[in-house]
Amino acid sequence: MTVSVQTYGDISPRTAAYAIAPLLKRHDAEMILEKFGQTFPLPTKSSIVAKFRRYEALPLATTALVEGVTPSGTKPTITDYTATLEEFGDFIPYSGFMLDTHEDPILKEYGSLCVQQAAETIETLRWNKIKAGSQVGYANGGITTVNTVITLAAQRTATAALLRQRAHYLNEVVSSSPDFRTEPVEAGFVAIHHPDVTNDIRNMQGFIPAKQYAGQTKLFPGEVGAVEDVRYCRSVLFTPYLGASGTYGGASTTMRNTGGYADVYPVIYISKDAYGIVPLKGSNAMSLIAHNPGSSGTSDPLNQRGTLGWKAAQTSLILNDLWLYRLMCAVTL
């Protein structure tokens, strides 16, 4: 796919730079999942298909060598995963009269709204992909009976399941620079969750608030703290399944619920290279497009209408189901 570079329609470069400033400043804070995925930025004028490749672990060589006999060797097993890029976008219409008379800097404010919409759209699309992973556990019971909050024991079940499948700690994340480089971090798993779950996480045995981390640990977006080898990050975009549990006695007074049925919250534990993304950053990932009033020719004969919008190409996919773990739990009020 030809991923569009940042363009500005017919708006002046100076005004365009002014409009795009909030985009460059604000979008990283919305993109938690971008930090932890395996990145595959497609270059301009290339395929619309992103291909991720994994080399499977070799089997153990437990047979003793025979002197003078060359072993047959082992051919590596390669697994390819492909995903097709799709474009998303929206725009805000405005009038020339509004631009001339409104007391607020319209293009700056609209640019800020556009980047927030773009970031939250891409983050939600990625969330919908990774929360569909097949490895799932429950704080108790099953999806229709969950009425228990997250616990240290449930976390240990999740991390043990990942380690059992040779999942690796995250030891580097995608940096905030536009060139897709990574930066080292303290090794561990990351768990993402909705803010409603945060208080129950803080009540877990051994919880350490992020502000009390030792040394110069750099915080992830939305990070609230850590328990053992898991760092927890939150976003309102990591939505629950409302009323998904069965009827729970006392749900209306002790648990977040919908119509007396406990709401079920996914907490997803992430290991290295568990999923892949095409990042929403850099000059080859997103366009901010502005059209001044009067730029539409005869369709705008009185130069009354303009637009400011965004367009982005993205894709994401699970690379290894067994390196993600989704814990389903209830949440206290």
C-alpha atoms as a PDB file:
ATOM      1  CA  MET A   1       0.000   0.000   0.000  1.00  0.00           C
ATOM      2  CA  THR A   2       1.119   3.565  -0.581  1.00  0.00           C
ATOM      3  CA  VAL A   3       0.964   4.987   2.918  1.00  0.00           C
ATOM      4  CA  SER A   4       0.318   8.688   2.597  1.00  0.00           C
ATOM      5  CA  VAL A   5       2.846  11.188   3.830  1.00  0.00           C
ATOM      6  CA  GLN A   6       1.836  14.204   5.878  1.00  0.00           C
ATOM      7  CA  THR A   7       0.113  16.599   3.519  1.00  0.00           C
ATOM      8  CA  TYR A   8      -1.844  19.755   4.078  1.00  0.00           C
ATOM      9  CA  GLY A   9      -4.101  20.248   1.065  1.00  0.00           C
ATOM     10  CA  ASP A  10      -4.002  23.882   0.057  1.00  0.00           C
ATOM     11  CA  ILE A  11      -3.400  25.333   3.500  1.00  0.00           C
ATOM     12  CA  SER A  12      -0.295  27.494   3.901  1.00  0.00           C
ATOM     13  CA  PRO A  13       2.795  25.729   5.281  1.00  0.00           C
ATOM     14  CA  ARG A  14       2.994  28.106   8.248  1.00  0.00           C
ATOM     15  CA  THR A  15      -0.623  27.548   9.215  1.00  0.00           C
ATOM     16  CA  ALA A  16      -0.287  23.834   8.570  1.00  0.00           C
ATOM     17  CA  ALA A  17       2.674  23.571  10.930  1.00  0.00           C
ATOM     18  CA  TYR A  18       0.648  25.433  13.538  1.00  0.00           C
ATOM     19  CA  ALA A  19      -2.257  23.036  13.071  1.00  0.00           C
ATOM     20  CA  ILE A  20      -0.174  19.890  13.209  1.00  0.00           C
ATOM     21  CA  ALA A  21       1.760  20.866  16.362  1.00  0.00           C
ATOM     22  CA  PRO A  22      -0.802  19.358  18.764  1.00  0.00           C
ATOM     23  CA  LEU A  23      -0.716  16.144  16.719  1.00  0.00           C
ATOM     24  CA  LEU A  24       2.994  15.694  17.324  1.00  0.00           C
ATOM     25  CA  LYS A  25       2.612  16.577  21.004  1.00  0.00           C
ATOM     26  CA  ARG A  26      -0.473  14.593  21.955  1.00  0.00           C
ATOM     27  CA  HIS A  27      -0.711  11.359  20.003  1.00  0.00           C
ATOM     28  CA  ASP A  28       1.947   9.362  21.893  1.00  0.00           C
ATOM     29  CA  ALA A  29       0.016   9.653  25.164  1.00  0.00           C
ATOM     30  CA  GLU A  30      -2.953   7.880  23.564  1.00  0.00           C
ATOM     31  CA  MET A  31      -0.972   4.999  22.067  1.00  0.00           C
ATOM     32  CA  ILE A  32      -0.180   2.505  24.821  1.00  0.00           C
ATOM     33  CA  LEU A  33      -0.352  -0.558  22.578  1.00  0.00           C
ATOM     34  CA  GLU A  34       2.107   0.971  20.140  1.00  0.00           C
ATOM     35  CA  LYS A  35       4.836   0.672  22.774  1.00  0.00           C
ATOM     36  CA  PHE A  36       4.688  -3.101  23.117  1.00  0.00           C
ATOM     37  CA  GLY A  37       3.972  -4.503  19.659  1.00  0.00           C
ATOM     38  CA  GLN A  38       6.467  -5.766  17.102  1.00  0.00           C
ATOM     39  CA  THR A  39       6.579  -2.980  14.532  1.00  0.00           C
ATOM     40  CA  PHE A  40       6.557  -3.368  10.765  1.00  0.00           C
ATOM     41  CA  PRO A  41       6.389   0.039   9.041  1.00  0.00           C
ATOM     42  CA  LEU A  42       5.697  -0.384   5.349  1.00  0.00           C
ATOM     43  CA  PRO A  43       7.604   1.968   3.048  1.00  0.00           C
ATOM     44  CA  THR A  44       5.882   4.232   0.572  1.00  0.00           C
ATOM     45  CA  LYS A  45       4.921   2.643  -2.756  1.00  0.00           C
ATOM     46  CA  SER A  46       5.090  -0.901  -1.450  1.00  0.00           C
ATOM     47  CA  SER A  47       2.631  -3.757  -0.922  1.00  0.00           C
ATOM     48  CA  ILE A  48      -0.604  -3.329   1.031  1.00  0.00           C
ATOM     49  CA  VAL A  49       0.269  -6.538   2.892  1.00  0.00           C
ATOM     50  CA  ALA A  50       2.463  -6.466   5.986  1.00  0.00           C
ATOM     51  CA  LYS A  51       4.317  -9.740   6.602  1.00  0.00           C
ATOM     52  CA  PHE A  52       5.689 -10.728   9.990  1.00  0.00           C
ATOM     53  CA  ARG A  53       8.006 -13.725  10.283  1.00  0.00           C
ATOM     54  CA  ARG A  54       8.776 -15.924  13.285  1.00  0.00           C
ATOM     55  CA  TYR A  55      11.525 -18.523  13.521  1.00  0.00           C
ATOM     56  CA  GLU A  56      10.328 -21.368  15.722  1.00  0.00           C
ATOM     57  CA  ALA A  57      12.617 -22.796  18.407  1.00  0.00           C
ATOM     58  CA  LEU A  58      14.721 -25.744  17.319  1.00  0.00           C
ATOM     59  CA  PRO A  59      14.113 -29.138  18.950  1.00  0.00           C
ATOM     60  CA  LEU A  60      16.648 -30.234  21.568  1.00  0.00           C
ATOM     61  CA  ALA A  61      19.682 -32.059  20.225  1.00  0.00           C
ATOM     62  CA  THR A  62      19.723 -34.864  22.811  1.00  0.00           C
ATOM     63  CA  THR A  63      21.342 -37.564  20.636  1.00  0.00           C
ATOM     64  CA  ALA A  64      25.064 -37.942  21.214  1.00  0.00           C
ATOM     65  CA  LEU A  65      27.293 -37.329  18.226  1.00  0.00           C
ATOM     66  CA  VAL A  66      29.074 -40.325  16.700  1.00  0.00           C
ATOM     67  CA  GLU A  67      32.736 -39.826  16.059  1.00  0.00           C
ATOM     68  CA  GLY A  68      33.418 -39.237  12.388  1.00  0.00           C
ATOM     69  CA  VAL A  69      29.712 -39.063  11.491  1.00  0.00           C
ATOM     70  CA  THR A  70      28.237 -35.743  10.451  1.00  0.00           C
ATOM     71  CA  PRO A  71      24.701 -35.280  11.810  1.00  0.00           C
ATOM     72  CA  SER A  72      21.921 -34.464   9.362  1.00  0.00           C
ATOM     73  CA  GLY A  73      21.246 -31.073  10.893  1.00  0.00           C
ATOM     74  CA  THR A  74      17.921 -29.397  11.523  1.00  0.00           C
ATOM     75  CA  LYS A  75      16.073 -27.138   9.147  1.00  0.00           C
ATOM     76  CA  PRO A  76      14.506 -24.174  10.969  1.00  0.00           C
ATOM     77  CA  THR A  77      10.717 -23.854  10.919  1.00  0.00           C
ATOM     78  CA  ILE A  78       9.519 -20.453   9.746  1.00  0.00           C
ATOM     79  CA  THR A  79       6.014 -19.132  10.326  1.00  0.00           C
ATOM     80  CA  ASP A  80       4.750 -16.140   8.342  1.00  0.00           C
ATOM     81  CA  TYR A  81       1.842 -13.954   9.421  1.00  0.00           C
ATOM     82  CA  THR A  82       0.278 -11.461   7.040  1.00  0.00           C
ATOM     83  CA  ALA A  83      -2.198  -8.634   7.485  1.00  0.00           C
ATOM     84  CA  THR A  84      -3.606  -6.187   4.954  1.00  0.00           C
ATOM     85  CA  LEU A  85      -3.448  -2.477   5.628  1.00  0.00           C
ATOM     86  CA  GLU A  86      -6.676  -0.513   5.771  1.00  0.00           C
ATOM     87  CA  GLU A  87      -7.244   3.230   5.712  1.00  0.00           C
ATOM     88  CA  PHE A  88      -9.275   5.145   8.270  1.00  0.00           C
ATOM     89  CA  GLY A  89     -10.052   8.827   8.562  1.00  0.00           C
ATOM     90  CA  ASP A  90     -12.509  11.624   9.221  1.00  0.00           C
ATOM     91  CA  PHE A  91     -12.738  15.384   8.864  1.00  0.00           C
ATOM     92  CA  ILE A  92     -14.277  18.469  10.448  1.00  0.00           C
ATOM     93  CA  PRO A  93     -16.099  20.969   8.216  1.00  0.00           C
ATOM     94  CA  TYR A  94     -15.912  24.653   9.039  1.00  0.00           C
ATOM     95  CA  SER A  95     -17.062  27.880   7.459  1.00  0.00           C
ATOM     96  CA  GLY A  96     -14.933  30.746   6.270  1.00  0.00           C
ATOM     97  CA  PHE A  97     -17.066  33.075   8.375  1.00  0.00           C
ATOM     98  CA  MET A  98     -16.293  31.019  11.481  1.00  0.00           C
ATOM     99  CA  LEU A  99     -12.595  31.092  10.719  1.00  0.00           C
ATOM    100  CA  ASP A 100     -12.682  34.887  10.464  1.00  0.00           C
ATOM    101  CA  THR A 101     -14.843  35.588  13.517  1.00  0.00           C
ATOM    102  CA  HIS A 102     -14.313  32.841  16.099  1.00  0.00           C
ATOM    103  CA  GLU A 103     -12.253  33.967  19.093  1.00  0.00           C
ATOM    104  CA  ASP A 104     -10.449  30.611  19.425  1.00  0.00           C
ATOM    105  CA  PRO A 105      -7.677  29.441  17.021  1.00  0.00           C
ATOM    106  CA  ILE A 106      -9.945  27.096  15.063  1.00  0.00           C
ATOM    107  CA  LEU A 107      -7.298  25.189  13.127  1.00  0.00           C
ATOM    108  CA  LYS A 108      -5.276  24.508  16.271  1.00  0.00           C
ATOM    109  CA  GLU A 109      -8.313  23.256  18.185  1.00  0.00           C
ATOM    110  CA  TYR A 110      -9.610  21.194  15.268  1.00  0.00           C
ATOM    111  CA  GLY A 111      -6.155  19.728  14.714  1.00  0.00           C
ATOM    112  CA  SER A 112      -6.088  18.675  18.346  1.00  0.00           C
ATOM    113  CA  LEU A 113      -9.489  17.010  17.998  1.00  0.00           C
ATOM    114  CA  CYS A 114      -8.398  15.225  14.832  1.00  0.00           C
ATOM    115  CA  VAL A 115      -5.273  13.756  16.381  1.00  0.00           C
ATOM    116  CA  GLN A 116      -7.147  12.593  19.462  1.00  0.00           C
ATOM    117  CA  GLN A 117      -9.754  10.916  17.257  1.00  0.00           C
ATOM    118  CA  ALA A 118      -7.054   9.311  15.118  1.00  0.00           C
ATOM    119  CA  ALA A 119      -5.062   8.018  18.085  1.00  0.00           C
ATOM    120  CA  GLU A 120      -8.096   6.624  19.889  1.00  0.00           C
ATOM    121  CA  THR A 121      -9.422   5.042  16.699  1.00  0.00           C
ATOM    122  CA  ILE A 122      -6.164   3.193  15.999  1.00  0.00           C
ATOM    123  CA  GLU A 123      -5.742   2.195  19.646  1.00  0.00           C
ATOM    124  CA  THR A 124      -9.279   0.774  19.739  1.00  0.00           C
ATOM    125  CA  LEU A 125      -8.741  -1.195  16.532  1.00  0.00           C
ATOM    126  CA  ARG A 126      -5.609  -2.736  18.025  1.00  0.00           C
ATOM    127  CA  TRP A 127      -7.344  -3.457  21.330  1.00  0.00           C
ATOM    128  CA  ASN A 128     -10.121  -5.289  19.506  1.00  0.00           C
ATOM    129  CA  LYS A 129      -7.520  -7.482  17.818  1.00  0.00           C
ATOM    130  CA  ILE A 130      -5.480  -8.503  20.844  1.00  0.00           C
ATOM    131  CA  LYS A 131      -8.417  -9.002  23.199  1.00  0.00           C
ATOM    132  CA  ALA A 132      -9.633 -11.765  20.853  1.00  0.00           C
ATOM    133  CA  GLY A 133      -6.687 -13.984  21.817  1.00  0.00           C
ATOM    134  CA  SER A 134      -7.507 -17.577  22.674  1.00  0.00           C
ATOM    135  CA  GLN A 135      -5.551 -17.902  25.952  1.00  0.00           C
ATOM    136  CA  VAL A 136      -7.949 -16.748  28.654  1.00  0.00           C
ATOM    137  CA  GLY A 137      -8.436 -17.275  32.369  1.00  0.00           C
ATOM    138  CA  TYR A 138     -10.996 -16.134  34.912  1.00  0.00           C
ATOM    139  CA  ALA A 139     -10.678 -14.671  38.377  1.00  0.00           C
ATOM    140  CA  ASN A 140     -13.278 -17.302  39.215  1.00  0.00           C
ATOM    141  CA  GLY A 141     -15.733 -19.484  37.327  1.00  0.00           C
ATOM    142  CA  GLY A 142     -16.244 -18.588  33.686  1.00  0.00           C
ATOM    143  CA  ILE A 143     -17.449 -15.673  31.597  1.00  0.00           C
ATOM    144  CA  THR A 144     -21.034 -16.019  32.864  1.00  0.00           C
ATOM    145  CA  THR A 145     -20.086 -16.425  36.525  1.00  0.00           C
ATOM    146  CA  VAL A 146     -17.170 -14.032  37.116  1.00  0.00           C
ATOM    147  CA  ASN A 147     -17.712 -12.050  40.312  1.00  0.00           C
ATOM    148  CA  THR A 148     -14.185 -11.893  41.784  1.00  0.00           C
ATOM    149  CA  VAL A 149     -11.567  -9.148  41.511  1.00  0.00           C
ATOM    150  CA  ILE A 150      -8.024  -9.530  40.260  1.00  0.00           C
ATOM    151  CA  THR A 151      -5.628 -11.158  42.743  1.00  0.00           C
ATOM    152  CA  LEU A 152      -1.945 -11.959  43.010  1.00  0.00           C
ATOM    153  CA  ALA A 153      -2.780 -15.643  42.574  1.00  0.00           C
ATOM    154  CA  ALA A 154      -4.629 -14.870  39.321  1.00  0.00           C
ATOM    155  CA  GLN A 155      -1.671 -12.826  38.086  1.00  0.00           C
ATOM    156  CA  ARG A 156       0.717 -15.668  38.866  1.00  0.00           C
ATOM    157  CA  THR A 157      -1.503 -18.045  36.920  1.00  0.00           C
ATOM    158  CA  ALA A 158      -1.280 -15.672  33.949  1.00  0.00           C
ATOM    159  CA  THR A 159       2.495 -15.205  34.073  1.00  0.00           C
ATOM    160  CA  ALA A 160       3.081 -18.920  34.614  1.00  0.00           C
ATOM    161  CA  ALA A 161       1.002 -19.675  31.519  1.00  0.00           C
ATOM    162  CA  LEU A 162       3.142 -17.266  29.486  1.00  0.00           C
ATOM    163  CA  LEU A 163       6.450 -18.583  30.790  1.00  0.00           C
ATOM    164  CA  ARG A 164       5.297 -22.150  30.169  1.00  0.00           C
ATOM    165  CA  GLN A 165       5.002 -21.240  26.483  1.00  0.00           C
ATOM    166  CA  ARG A 166       8.499 -19.716  26.396  1.00  0.00           C
ATOM    167  CA  ALA A 167       7.170 -16.181  26.296  1.00  0.00           C
ATOM    168  CA  HIS A 168       9.874 -13.601  26.876  1.00  0.00           C
ATOM    169  CA  TYR A 169       9.798 -10.529  29.070  1.00  0.00           C
ATOM    170  CA  LEU A 170       9.521  -7.202  27.317  1.00  0.00           C
ATOM    171  CA  ASN A 171      13.003  -5.746  27.507  1.00  0.00           C
ATOM    172  CA  GLU A 172      12.599  -2.995  24.914  1.00  0.00           C
ATOM    173  CA  VAL A 173       9.733  -0.837  23.689  1.00  0.00           C
ATOM    174  CA  VAL A 174       9.062   1.399  20.706  1.00  0.00           C
ATOM    175  CA  SER A 175      10.452   4.840  21.460  1.00  0.00           C
ATOM    176  CA  SER A 176       8.557   8.086  21.015  1.00  0.00           C
ATOM    177  CA  SER A 177      10.793   9.098  18.109  1.00  0.00           C
ATOM    178  CA  PRO A 178       9.365   9.015  14.568  1.00  0.00           C
ATOM    179  CA  ASP A 179      11.928   6.512  13.259  1.00  0.00           C
ATOM    180  CA  PHE A 180      10.508   3.336  14.885  1.00  0.00           C
ATOM    181  CA  ARG A 181      13.579   2.731  17.018  1.00  0.00           C
ATOM    182  CA  THR A 182      13.354   0.823  20.268  1.00  0.00           C
ATOM    183  CA  GLU A 183      14.708   1.687  23.688  1.00  0.00           C
ATOM    184  CA  PRO A 184      15.652  -0.695  26.511  1.00  0.00           C
ATOM    185  CA  VAL A 185      13.443  -1.085  29.577  1.00  0.00           C
ATOM    186  CA  GLU A 186      13.593  -3.186  32.718  1.00  0.00           C
ATOM    187  CA  ALA A 187      12.550  -6.698  31.721  1.00  0.00           C
ATOM    188  CA  GLY A 188       9.059  -7.849  32.661  1.00  0.00           C
ATOM    189  CA  PHE A 189       5.535  -8.428  31.421  1.00  0.00           C
ATOM    190  CA  VAL A 190       3.050  -5.589  30.876  1.00  0.00           C
ATOM    191  CA  ALA A 191      -0.646  -5.810  31.697  1.00  0.00           C
ATOM    192  CA  ILE A 192      -3.174  -3.380  30.232  1.00  0.00           C
ATOM    193  CA  HIS A 193      -6.525  -2.630  31.826  1.00  0.00           C
ATOM    194  CA  HIS A 194      -9.436  -0.212  32.151  1.00  0.00           C
ATOM    195  CA  PRO A 195      -9.126   2.465  34.884  1.00  0.00           C
ATOM    196  CA  ASP A 196     -12.005   0.828  36.796  1.00  0.00           C
ATOM    197  CA  VAL A 197      -9.622  -2.051  37.605  1.00  0.00           C
ATOM    198  CA  THR A 198      -6.882   0.193  39.003  1.00  0.00           C
ATOM    199  CA  ASN A 199      -8.073   0.293  42.617  1.00  0.00           C
ATOM    200  CA  ASP A 200      -8.236  -3.497  42.795  1.00  0.00           C
ATOM    201  CA  ILE A 201      -4.724  -3.691  41.332  1.00  0.00           C
ATOM    202  CA  ARG A 202      -3.497  -1.271  43.993  1.00  0.00           C
ATOM    203  CA  ASN A 203      -4.956  -3.578  46.625  1.00  0.00           C
ATOM    204  CA  MET A 204      -2.982  -6.582  45.336  1.00  0.00           C
ATOM    205  CA  GLN A 205      -0.279  -7.957  47.610  1.00  0.00           C
ATOM    206  CA  GLY A 206       3.104  -6.484  46.726  1.00  0.00           C
ATOM    207  CA  PHE A 207       1.819  -3.572  44.627  1.00  0.00           C
ATOM    208  CA  ILE A 208       4.411  -0.821  44.072  1.00  0.00           C
ATOM    209  CA  PRO A 209       3.116   2.557  42.812  1.00  0.00           C
ATOM    210  CA  ALA A 210       4.885   3.842  39.722  1.00  0.00           C
ATOM    211  CA  LYS A 211       6.028   6.964  41.564  1.00  0.00           C
ATOM    212  CA  GLN A 212       7.973   4.763  43.985  1.00  0.00           C
ATOM    213  CA  TYR A 213      10.007   2.893  41.380  1.00  0.00           C
ATOM    214  CA  ALA A 214      13.687   2.824  42.170  1.00  0.00           C
ATOM    215  CA  GLY A 215      16.268   4.573  40.040  1.00  0.00           C
ATOM    216  CA  GLN A 216      15.463   6.295  36.765  1.00  0.00           C
ATOM    217  CA  THR A 217      12.790   3.901  35.495  1.00  0.00           C
ATOM    218  CA  LYS A 218      10.990   5.514  32.570  1.00  0.00           C
ATOM    219  CA  LEU A 219       7.236   5.181  32.865  1.00  0.00           C
ATOM    220  CA  PHE A 220       5.040   3.826  30.111  1.00  0.00           C
ATOM    221  CA  PRO A 221       1.941   5.760  29.018  1.00  0.00           C
ATOM    222  CA  GLY A 222      -0.823   5.182  31.566  1.00  0.00           C
ATOM    223  CA  GLU A 223       1.421   3.235  33.948  1.00  0.00           C
ATOM    224  CA  VAL A 224       0.098   2.990  37.518  1.00  0.00           C
ATOM    225  CA  GLY A 225       2.482   0.541  39.170  1.00  0.00           C
ATOM    226  CA  ALA A 226       3.886  -2.965  39.313  1.00  0.00           C
ATOM    227  CA  VAL A 227       3.281  -6.284  41.051  1.00  0.00           C
ATOM    228  CA  GLU A 228       6.208  -8.716  40.976  1.00  0.00           C
ATOM    229  CA  ASP A 229       7.272  -9.005  37.311  1.00  0.00           C
ATOM    230  CA  VAL A 230       4.240  -7.204  35.805  1.00  0.00           C
ATOM    231  CA  ARG A 231       3.855  -3.490  35.100  1.00  0.00           C
ATOM    232  CA  TYR A 232       0.252  -2.269  34.819  1.00  0.00           C
ATOM    233  CA  CYS A 233      -0.905   0.392  32.321  1.00  0.00           C
ATOM    234  CA  ARG A 234      -4.441   1.726  31.968  1.00  0.00           C
ATOM    235  CA  SER A 235      -6.602   3.387  29.353  1.00  0.00           C
ATOM    236  CA  VAL A 236     -10.300   4.134  29.179  1.00  0.00           C
ATOM    237  CA  LEU A 237     -10.216   2.583  25.695  1.00  0.00           C
ATOM    238  CA  PHE A 238      -9.626  -0.896  27.170  1.00  0.00           C
ATOM    239  CA  THR A 239     -13.334  -1.426  27.644  1.00  0.00           C
ATOM    240  CA  PRO A 240     -15.197  -4.050  29.741  1.00  0.00           C
ATOM    241  CA  TYR A 241     -18.009  -6.415  28.820  1.00  0.00           C
ATOM    242  CA  LEU A 242     -20.949  -4.778  30.552  1.00  0.00           C
ATOM    243  CA  GLY A 243     -23.247  -7.141  32.423  1.00  0.00           C
ATOM    244  CA  ALA A 244     -21.476 -10.176  30.971  1.00  0.00           C
ATOM    245  CA  SER A 245     -21.463 -12.183  34.194  1.00  0.00           C
ATOM    246  CA  GLY A 246     -24.405 -14.079  35.636  1.00  0.00           C
ATOM    247  CA  THR A 247     -26.584 -12.594  38.351  1.00  0.00           C
ATOM    248  CA  TYR A 248     -24.455 -11.889  41.390  1.00  0.00           C
ATOM    249  CA  GLY A 249     -26.016 -11.405  44.794  1.00  0.00           C
ATOM    250  CA  GLY A 250     -24.931  -8.002  46.009  1.00  0.00           C
ATOM    251  CA  ALA A 251     -23.599  -6.839  42.667  1.00  0.00           C
ATOM    252  CA  SER A 252     -25.610  -3.656  42.931  1.00  0.00           C
ATOM    253  CA  THR A 253     -23.809  -2.694  46.151  1.00  0.00           C
ATOM    254  CA  THR A 254     -20.313  -4.229  45.876  1.00  0.00           C
ATOM    255  CA  MET A 255     -19.435  -4.752  42.210  1.00  0.00           C
ATOM    256  CA  ARG A 256     -19.622  -2.618  39.116  1.00  0.00           C
ATOM    257  CA  ASN A 257     -22.591  -4.001  37.279  1.00  0.00           C
ATOM    258  CA  THR A 258     -25.136  -3.443  34.565  1.00  0.00           C
ATOM    259  CA  GLY A 259     -28.685  -4.305  35.541  1.00  0.00           C
ATOM    260  CA  GLY A 260     -27.504  -6.402  38.491  1.00  0.00           C
ATOM    261  CA  TYR A 261     -25.118  -8.455  36.351  1.00  0.00           C
ATOM    262  CA  ALA A 262     -21.447  -7.991  37.167  1.00  0.00           C
ATOM    263  CA  ASP A 263     -19.391  -6.247  34.480  1.00  0.00           C
ATOM    264  CA  VAL A 264     -16.416  -8.310  33.294  1.00  0.00           C
ATOM    265  CA  TYR A 265     -13.089  -6.580  32.698  1.00  0.00           C
ATOM    266  CA  PRO A 266     -10.274  -7.986  30.525  1.00  0.00           C
ATOM    267  CA  VAL A 267      -6.754  -7.535  31.882  1.00  0.00           C
ATOM    268  CA  ILE A 268      -4.342  -8.551  29.136  1.00  0.00           C
ATOM    269  CA  TYR A 269      -0.814  -9.696  29.965  1.00  0.00           C
ATOM    270  CA  ILE A 270       1.625  -8.987  27.144  1.00  0.00           C
ATOM    271  CA  SER A 271       5.004 -10.547  26.405  1.00  0.00           C
ATOM    272  CA  LYS A 272       7.594  -9.690  23.792  1.00  0.00           C
ATOM    273  CA  ASP A 273       6.550 -10.085  20.132  1.00  0.00           C
ATOM    274  CA  ALA A 274       3.052 -11.269  21.072  1.00  0.00           C
ATOM    275  CA  TYR A 275       1.428  -9.035  18.449  1.00  0.00           C
ATOM    276  CA  GLY A 276       2.445  -6.919  15.490  1.00  0.00           C
ATOM    277  CA  ILE A 277       1.480  -3.417  14.426  1.00  0.00           C
ATOM    278  CA  VAL A 278       2.068  -0.861  11.712  1.00  0.00           C
ATOM    279  CA  PRO A 279       2.819   2.174  13.885  1.00  0.00           C
ATOM    280  CA  LEU A 280       0.848   5.402  13.785  1.00  0.00           C
ATOM    281  CA  LYS A 281       3.872   7.659  13.733  1.00  0.00           C
ATOM    282  CA  GLY A 282       6.400   9.112  11.371  1.00  0.00           C
ATOM    283  CA  SER A 283       5.973  10.823   8.039  1.00  0.00           C
ATOM    284  CA  ASN A 284       4.769   7.660   6.298  1.00  0.00           C
ATOM    285  CA  ALA A 285       1.860   6.866   8.582  1.00  0.00           C
ATOM    286  CA  MET A 286      -0.604   9.732   8.772  1.00  0.00           C
ATOM    287  CA  SER A 287      -1.910  12.686   6.828  1.00  0.00           C
ATOM    288  CA  LEU A 288      -3.396  15.858   8.214  1.00  0.00           C
ATOM    289  CA  ILE A 289      -5.338  17.375   5.328  1.00  0.00           C
ATOM    290  CA  ALA A 290      -6.751  20.891   5.236  1.00  0.00           C
ATOM    291  CA  HIS A 291      -8.765  22.612   2.510  1.00  0.00           C
ATOM    292  CA  ASN A 292      -9.358  26.332   2.763  1.00  0.00           C
ATOM    293  CA  PRO A 293     -12.729  27.912   1.965  1.00  0.00           C
ATOM    294  CA  GLY A 294     -12.795  28.535  -1.767  1.00  0.00           C
ATOM    295  CA  SER A 295     -10.618  25.574  -2.677  1.00  0.00           C
ATOM    296  CA  SER A 296     -13.529  23.437  -3.919  1.00  0.00           C
ATOM    297  CA  GLY A 297     -14.188  25.364  -7.101  1.00  0.00           C
ATOM    298  CA  THR A 298     -17.787  25.573  -8.310  1.00  0.00           C
ATOM    299  CA  SER A 299     -19.027  23.338  -5.478  1.00  0.00           C
ATOM    300  CA  ASP A 300     -18.245  26.259  -3.148  1.00  0.00           C
ATOM    301  CA  PRO A 301     -19.053  29.289  -5.298  1.00  0.00           C
ATOM    302  CA  LEU A 302     -19.056  31.785  -2.400  1.00  0.00           C
ATOM    303  CA  ASN A 303     -15.873  30.489  -0.705  1.00  0.00           C
ATOM    304  CA  GLN A 304     -17.833  29.480   2.381  1.00  0.00           C
ATOM    305  CA  ARG A 305     -16.616  26.005   3.335  1.00  0.00           C
ATOM    306  CA  GLY A 306     -13.357  24.431   4.426  1.00  0.00           C
ATOM    307  CA  THR A 307     -12.328  21.161   6.074  1.00  0.00           C
ATOM    308  CA  LEU A 308      -9.609  19.823   8.311  1.00  0.00           C
ATOM    309  CA  GLY A 309      -9.228  16.058   8.547  1.00  0.00           C
ATOM    310  CA  TRP A 310      -6.920  13.095   9.006  1.00  0.00           C
ATOM    311  CA  LYS A 311      -6.230   9.844   7.211  1.00  0.00           C
ATOM    312  CA  ALA A 312      -4.133   6.920   8.429  1.00  0.00           C
ATOM    313  CA  ALA A 313      -3.283   3.422   7.272  1.00  0.00           C
ATOM    314  CA  GLN A 314      -2.903   0.706   9.886  1.00  0.00           C
ATOM    315  CA  THR A 315      -3.067  -2.962  10.627  1.00  0.00           C
ATOM    316  CA  SER A 316      -2.383  -5.190  13.607  1.00  0.00           C
ATOM    317  CA  LEU A 317      -2.471  -8.905  14.341  1.00  0.00           C
ATOM    318  CA  ILE A 318      -1.677 -11.479  16.996  1.00  0.00           C
ATOM    319  CA  LEU A 319       1.634 -13.163  16.238  1.00  0.00           C
ATOM    320  CA  ASN A 320       1.527 -15.771  18.980  1.00  0.00           C
ATOM    321  CA  ASP A 321      -1.697 -16.498  20.877  1.00  0.00           C
ATOM    322  CA  LEU A 322       0.240 -18.237  23.628  1.00  0.00           C
ATOM    323  CA  TRP A 323       2.256 -15.112  24.416  1.00  0.00           C
ATOM    324  CA  LEU A 324      -0.867 -13.158  25.382  1.00  0.00           C
ATOM    325  CA  TYR A 325      -3.039 -13.970  28.378  1.00  0.00           C
ATOM    326  CA  ARG A 326      -6.440 -12.407  29.010  1.00  0.00           C
ATOM    327  CA  LEU A 327      -7.616 -12.455  32.628  1.00  0.00           C
ATOM    328  CA  MET A 328     -11.345 -11.800  33.031  1.00  0.00           C
ATOM    329  CA  CYS A 329     -12.310 -10.312  36.384  1.00  0.00           C
ATOM    330  CA  ALA A 330     -14.958  -8.288  38.156  1.00  0.00           C
ATOM    331  CA  VAL A 331     -14.328  -4.877  39.756  1.00  0.00           C
ATOM    332  CA  THR A 332     -15.343  -3.429  43.084  1.00  0.00           C
ATOM    333  CA  LEU A 333     -17.284  -0.193  43.203  1.00  0.00           C
END
